């Protein structure tokens, strides 16, 4: 409920700002709300993509290295990057492959 109310408040503020900037007509608040909603959705999509890039790329490297180990290449290592939990996975993976090697 808090997130919904925050989104409505933000959309209203963006609508008012666009109206004062002359980008929309003063009485066309529905257009302003639609523009605000578009801005909010675009921001959420960008935040989602940034998060997926931060988590997805390091996890993809671990998966590729695991495939190499499954094929018998015990020299596979992964860079320890990303959020702390993924760095721990990278350290554990590298420790495992060192012991296997």
C-alpha atoms as a PDB file:
ATOM      1  CA  UNK A   1       0.000   0.000   0.000  1.00  0.00           C
ATOM      2  CA  UNK A   2       2.869   2.347   0.794  1.00  0.00           C
ATOM      3  CA  UNK A   3       4.454   1.709  -2.595  1.00  0.00           C
ATOM      4  CA  UNK A   4       1.171   2.352  -4.414  1.00  0.00           C
ATOM      5  CA  UNK A   5       0.609   5.599  -2.531  1.00  0.00           C
ATOM      6  CA  UNK A   6       4.204   6.628  -3.181  1.00  0.00           C
ATOM      7  CA  UNK A   7       3.808   5.930  -6.897  1.00  0.00           C
ATOM      8  CA  UNK A   8       0.576   7.938  -7.043  1.00  0.00           C
ATOM      9  CA  UNK A   9       2.221  10.814  -5.184  1.00  0.00           C
ATOM     10  CA  UNK A  10       5.238  10.729  -7.471  1.00  0.00           C
ATOM     11  CA  UNK A  11       3.025  10.634 -10.552  1.00  0.00           C
ATOM     12  CA  UNK A  12       1.106  13.633  -9.247  1.00  0.00           C
ATOM     13  CA  UNK A  13       4.313  15.568  -8.573  1.00  0.00           C
ATOM     14  CA  UNK A  14       5.670  14.788 -12.028  1.00  0.00           C
ATOM     15  CA  UNK A  15       2.327  15.803 -13.545  1.00  0.00           C
ATOM     16  CA  UNK A  16       2.405  19.131 -11.685  1.00  0.00           C
ATOM     17  CA  UNK A  17       6.020  19.726 -12.690  1.00  0.00           C
ATOM     18  CA  UNK A  18       5.251  19.034 -16.351  1.00  0.00           C
ATOM     19  CA  UNK A  19       2.259  21.377 -16.148  1.00  0.00           C
ATOM     20  CA  UNK A  20       4.328  24.202 -14.657  1.00  0.00           C
ATOM     21  CA  UNK A  21       7.092  23.649 -17.206  1.00  0.00           C
ATOM     22  CA  UNK A  22       4.527  24.101 -19.974  1.00  0.00           C
ATOM     23  CA  UNK A  23       5.032  20.616 -21.335  1.00  0.00           C
ATOM     24  CA  UNK A  24       1.344  19.774 -20.849  1.00  0.00           C
ATOM     25  CA  UNK A  25      -1.777  21.918 -20.680  1.00  0.00           C
ATOM     26  CA  UNK A  26      -2.739  23.061 -17.187  1.00  0.00           C
ATOM     27  CA  UNK A  27      -6.063  21.189 -17.202  1.00  0.00           C
ATOM     28  CA  UNK A  28      -4.775  18.020 -18.844  1.00  0.00           C
ATOM     29  CA  UNK A  29      -3.851  16.210 -15.660  1.00  0.00           C
ATOM     30  CA  UNK A  30      -4.582  12.799 -17.183  1.00  0.00           C
ATOM     31  CA  UNK A  31      -1.910  13.429 -19.797  1.00  0.00           C
ATOM     32  CA  UNK A  32       0.436  14.429 -17.006  1.00  0.00           C
ATOM     33  CA  UNK A  33      -0.353  11.318 -15.050  1.00  0.00           C
ATOM     34  CA  UNK A  34       0.232   9.190 -18.134  1.00  0.00           C
ATOM     35  CA  UNK A  35       3.573  10.912 -18.698  1.00  0.00           C
ATOM     36  CA  UNK A  36       4.463  10.467 -15.031  1.00  0.00           C
ATOM     37  CA  UNK A  37       3.517   6.803 -15.197  1.00  0.00           C
ATOM     38  CA  UNK A  38       5.727   6.392 -18.266  1.00  0.00           C
ATOM     39  CA  UNK A  39       8.641   8.034 -16.458  1.00  0.00           C
ATOM     40  CA  UNK A  40       8.117   5.813 -13.403  1.00  0.00           C
ATOM     41  CA  UNK A  41       7.893   2.643 -15.496  1.00  0.00           C
ATOM     42  CA  UNK A  42      11.019   3.618 -17.437  1.00  0.00           C
ATOM     43  CA  UNK A  43      12.870   4.199 -14.162  1.00  0.00           C
ATOM     44  CA  UNK A  44      11.762   0.852 -12.787  1.00  0.00           C
ATOM     45  CA  UNK A  45      12.834  -0.930 -15.974  1.00  0.00           C
ATOM     46  CA  UNK A  46      16.265   0.727 -15.830  1.00  0.00           C
ATOM     47  CA  UNK A  47      16.654  -0.211 -12.156  1.00  0.00           C
ATOM     48  CA  UNK A  48      15.654  -3.808 -12.930  1.00  0.00           C
ATOM     49  CA  UNK A  49      18.141  -4.034 -15.797  1.00  0.00           C
ATOM     50  CA  UNK A  50      20.929  -2.617 -13.636  1.00  0.00           C
ATOM     51  CA  UNK A  51      20.178  -5.138 -10.888  1.00  0.00           C
ATOM     52  CA  UNK A  52      20.048  -8.027 -13.330  1.00  0.00           C
ATOM     53  CA  UNK A  53      23.343  -6.969 -14.857  1.00  0.00           C
ATOM     54  CA  UNK A  54      24.960  -6.737 -11.433  1.00  0.00           C
ATOM     55  CA  UNK A  55      23.746 -10.201 -10.419  1.00  0.00           C
ATOM     56  CA  UNK A  56      23.278 -11.948 -13.754  1.00  0.00           C
ATOM     57  CA  UNK A  57      26.734 -11.496 -15.244  1.00  0.00           C
ATOM     58  CA  UNK A  58      28.692 -12.914 -12.291  1.00  0.00           C
ATOM     59  CA  UNK A  59      26.232 -15.799 -11.964  1.00  0.00           C
ATOM     60  CA  UNK A  60      26.575 -16.528 -15.682  1.00  0.00           C
ATOM     61  CA  UNK A  61      30.350 -16.736 -15.269  1.00  0.00           C
ATOM     62  CA  UNK A  62      29.928 -19.265 -12.455  1.00  0.00           C
ATOM     63  CA  UNK A  63      27.621 -21.380 -14.623  1.00  0.00           C
ATOM     64  CA  UNK A  64      30.071 -21.344 -17.541  1.00  0.00           C
ATOM     65  CA  UNK A  65      32.964 -22.259 -15.251  1.00  0.00           C
ATOM     66  CA  UNK A  66      30.904 -25.072 -13.713  1.00  0.00           C
ATOM     67  CA  UNK A  67      30.315 -26.446 -17.206  1.00  0.00           C
ATOM     68  CA  UNK A  68      34.072 -26.384 -17.788  1.00  0.00           C
ATOM     69  CA  UNK A  69      34.662 -28.282 -14.541  1.00  0.00           C
ATOM     70  CA  UNK A  70      31.995 -30.824 -15.504  1.00  0.00           C
ATOM     71  CA  UNK A  71      33.905 -31.345 -18.755  1.00  0.00           C
ATOM     72  CA  UNK A  72      37.103 -32.056 -16.785  1.00  0.00           C
ATOM     73  CA  UNK A  73      38.811 -28.638 -16.845  1.00  0.00           C
ATOM     74  CA  UNK A  74      39.713 -28.155 -13.172  1.00  0.00           C
ATOM     75  CA  UNK A  75      41.698 -24.984 -13.887  1.00  0.00           C
ATOM     76  CA  UNK A  76      38.492 -22.971 -14.331  1.00  0.00           C
ATOM     77  CA  UNK A  77      38.298 -19.930 -12.039  1.00  0.00           C
ATOM     78  CA  UNK A  78      35.756 -17.121 -11.743  1.00  0.00           C
ATOM     79  CA  UNK A  79      36.331 -13.493 -10.773  1.00  0.00           C
ATOM     80  CA  UNK A  80      34.984 -12.681  -7.329  1.00  0.00           C
ATOM     81  CA  UNK A  81      32.666  -9.784  -8.144  1.00  0.00           C
ATOM     82  CA  UNK A  82      29.089  -8.699  -7.631  1.00  0.00           C
ATOM     83  CA  UNK A  83      27.092  -8.537  -4.405  1.00  0.00           C
ATOM     84  CA  UNK A  84      28.670 -10.072  -1.293  1.00  0.00           C
ATOM     85  CA  UNK A  85      26.713 -13.310  -1.617  1.00  0.00           C
ATOM     86  CA  UNK A  86      27.941 -13.833  -5.192  1.00  0.00           C
ATOM     87  CA  UNK A  87      31.504 -12.987  -4.196  1.00  0.00           C
ATOM     88  CA  UNK A  88      31.218 -15.743  -1.575  1.00  0.00           C
ATOM     89  CA  UNK A  89      29.992 -18.152  -4.261  1.00  0.00           C
ATOM     90  CA  UNK A  90      32.963 -17.180  -6.442  1.00  0.00           C
ATOM     91  CA  UNK A  91      35.417 -17.734  -3.574  1.00  0.00           C
ATOM     92  CA  UNK A  92      33.852 -21.116  -2.771  1.00  0.00           C
ATOM     93  CA  UNK A  93      33.926 -22.145  -6.427  1.00  0.00           C
ATOM     94  CA  UNK A  94      37.570 -21.152  -6.818  1.00  0.00           C
ATOM     95  CA  UNK A  95      38.468 -22.987  -3.598  1.00  0.00           C
ATOM     96  CA  UNK A  96      36.631 -26.070  -4.802  1.00  0.00           C
ATOM     97  CA  UNK A  97      38.387 -26.123  -8.180  1.00  0.00           C
ATOM     98  CA  UNK A  98      41.770 -25.569  -6.528  1.00  0.00           C
ATOM     99  CA  UNK A  99      41.195 -28.616  -4.326  1.00  0.00           C
ATOM    100  CA  UNK A 100      39.950 -30.659  -7.280  1.00  0.00           C
ATOM    101  CA  UNK A 101      42.953 -29.679  -9.351  1.00  0.00           C
END
